[in-house]
Amino acid sequence: MVAQKKDYYPDKALLVWSPAKDIPDNKLDDYIDLAKNRYGYNVEQALGMLFWHKHDLQKAVLDLQNFTPFPDEWSREDRVLFSKHISFMENHFIESVICYQISRLQVL
């Protein structure tokens, strides 16, 4: 894959989309629908792919199948795992604070 020049702005954000004047709205809508419904992209991901290909719809469409987009929402399993880890970390943090406080009391 050829590296493309990064366009940075004063706030150091990376530009991932800019509208193309030569793409009709109906073609852009069709592209987004294809990206969303067939390949699981969200709108931002689809537009990012199009921008990466310098607004070349054909290249962007061909490249949609080459990437697996991250989902917008967490799966049930991801939420359960996250909750378990947060609970563990909270307990570990609380234990650490208590041990620290006890050790400070012993020094005094």
Protein backbone atom coordinates (compact mmCIF):
# COMPACT_ATOMS: atom_id res chain seq x y z
CA MET A 1 0.00 0.00 0.00
CA VAL A 2 1.40 3.40 -0.92
CA ALA A 3 1.67 5.88 1.93
CA GLN A 4 -0.24 9.06 1.34
CA LYS A 5 0.72 12.55 2.42
CA LYS A 6 -0.89 13.46 5.72
CA ASP A 7 -2.78 16.75 5.76
CA TYR A 8 -2.40 18.37 9.17
CA TYR A 9 -4.08 21.48 10.42
CA PRO A 10 -3.01 23.90 13.15
CA ASP A 11 -4.75 21.90 15.87
CA LYS A 12 -2.80 18.80 14.74
CA ALA A 13 -5.93 16.85 13.80
CA LEU A 14 -5.68 14.48 10.87
CA LEU A 15 -8.13 15.26 8.08
CA VAL A 16 -10.07 12.11 7.21
CA TRP A 17 -12.80 13.55 5.03
CA SER A 18 -13.35 16.49 2.76
CA PRO A 19 -16.27 16.70 0.33
CA ALA A 20 -15.57 16.11 -3.33
CA LYS A 21 -17.22 18.46 -5.76
CA ASP A 22 -17.19 15.95 -8.62
CA ILE A 23 -19.15 13.14 -6.87
CA PRO A 24 -22.92 13.49 -7.23
CA ASP A 25 -24.89 13.12 -4.01
CA ASN A 26 -26.78 10.07 -5.27
CA LYS A 27 -23.50 8.25 -6.09
CA LEU A 28 -22.10 9.12 -2.67
CA ASP A 29 -25.28 7.86 -1.00
CA ASP A 30 -25.08 4.59 -2.97
CA TYR A 31 -21.45 4.13 -1.94
CA ILE A 32 -22.24 4.74 1.73
CA ASP A 33 -25.21 2.33 1.59
CA LEU A 34 -23.00 -0.36 0.05
CA ALA A 35 -20.26 0.17 2.63
CA LYS A 36 -22.73 0.05 5.52
CA ASN A 37 -25.04 -2.75 4.42
CA ARG A 38 -22.63 -5.11 2.69
CA TYR A 39 -19.37 -4.56 4.58
CA GLY A 40 -20.46 -3.25 8.00
CA TYR A 41 -18.81 0.16 7.82
CA ASN A 42 -20.27 3.19 9.55
CA VAL A 43 -20.58 6.48 7.65
CA GLU A 44 -17.32 7.91 9.01
CA GLN A 45 -15.37 4.77 8.09
CA ALA A 46 -16.84 4.71 4.58
CA LEU A 47 -16.02 8.37 4.00
CA GLY A 48 -12.54 7.83 5.39
CA MET A 49 -11.98 5.04 2.86
CA LEU A 50 -13.17 7.28 0.05
CA PHE A 51 -10.89 10.08 1.21
CA TRP A 52 -7.95 7.65 1.39
CA HIS A 53 -8.53 6.87 -2.28
CA LYS A 54 -8.65 10.57 -3.13
CA HIS A 55 -12.39 10.49 -3.86
CA ASP A 56 -12.05 7.69 -6.45
CA LEU A 57 -15.29 5.76 -5.95
CA GLN A 58 -14.17 2.69 -7.93
CA LYS A 59 -10.95 2.26 -5.93
CA ALA A 60 -12.77 2.83 -2.64
CA VAL A 61 -15.47 0.28 -3.48
CA LEU A 62 -12.87 -2.32 -4.43
CA ASP A 63 -10.98 -1.71 -1.18
CA LEU A 64 -14.00 -2.00 1.14
CA GLN A 65 -13.69 -5.78 1.23
CA ASN A 66 -10.03 -5.62 2.30
CA PHE A 67 -10.69 -4.22 5.77
CA THR A 68 -12.80 -5.27 8.71
CA PRO A 69 -14.27 -2.18 10.33
CA PHE A 70 -14.51 -1.89 14.09
CA PRO A 71 -18.12 -2.00 15.26
CA ASP A 72 -19.80 1.15 16.54
CA GLU A 73 -21.22 -0.71 19.52
CA TRP A 74 -19.77 -3.28 21.86
CA SER A 75 -21.07 -6.81 21.78
CA ARG A 76 -22.72 -8.27 24.88
CA GLU A 77 -19.57 -10.33 25.53
CA ASP A 78 -17.35 -7.22 25.28
CA ARG A 79 -19.56 -5.35 27.78
CA VAL A 80 -19.48 -8.27 30.25
CA LEU A 81 -15.68 -8.60 29.99
CA PHE A 82 -15.22 -4.85 30.42
CA SER A 83 -17.45 -4.82 33.51
CA LYS A 84 -15.54 -7.74 35.04
CA HIS A 85 -12.21 -6.03 34.46
CA ILE A 86 -13.42 -2.71 35.85
CA SER A 87 -14.74 -4.48 38.94
CA PHE A 88 -11.42 -6.29 39.41
CA MET A 89 -9.45 -3.08 38.96
CA GLU A 90 -11.68 -1.21 41.43
CA ASN A 91 -11.20 -3.94 44.04
CA HIS A 92 -7.45 -4.05 43.41
CA PHE A 93 -7.23 -0.25 43.62
CA ILE A 94 -9.20 -0.13 46.86
CA GLU A 95 -7.04 -2.87 48.39
CA SER A 96 -3.91 -0.98 47.35
CA VAL A 97 -5.13 2.26 48.91
CA ILE A 98 -6.07 0.51 52.15
CA CYS A 99 -2.69 -1.24 52.34
CA TYR A 100 -0.93 2.05 51.67
CA GLN A 101 -2.91 3.84 54.37
CA ILE A 102 -2.22 1.04 56.87
CA SER A 103 1.49 1.13 56.08
CA ARG A 104 1.52 4.90 56.65
CA LEU A 105 -0.19 4.47 60.01
CA GLN A 106 2.41 1.93 61.08
CA VAL A 107 5.21 4.37 60.25
CA LEU A 108 3.62 7.13 62.34
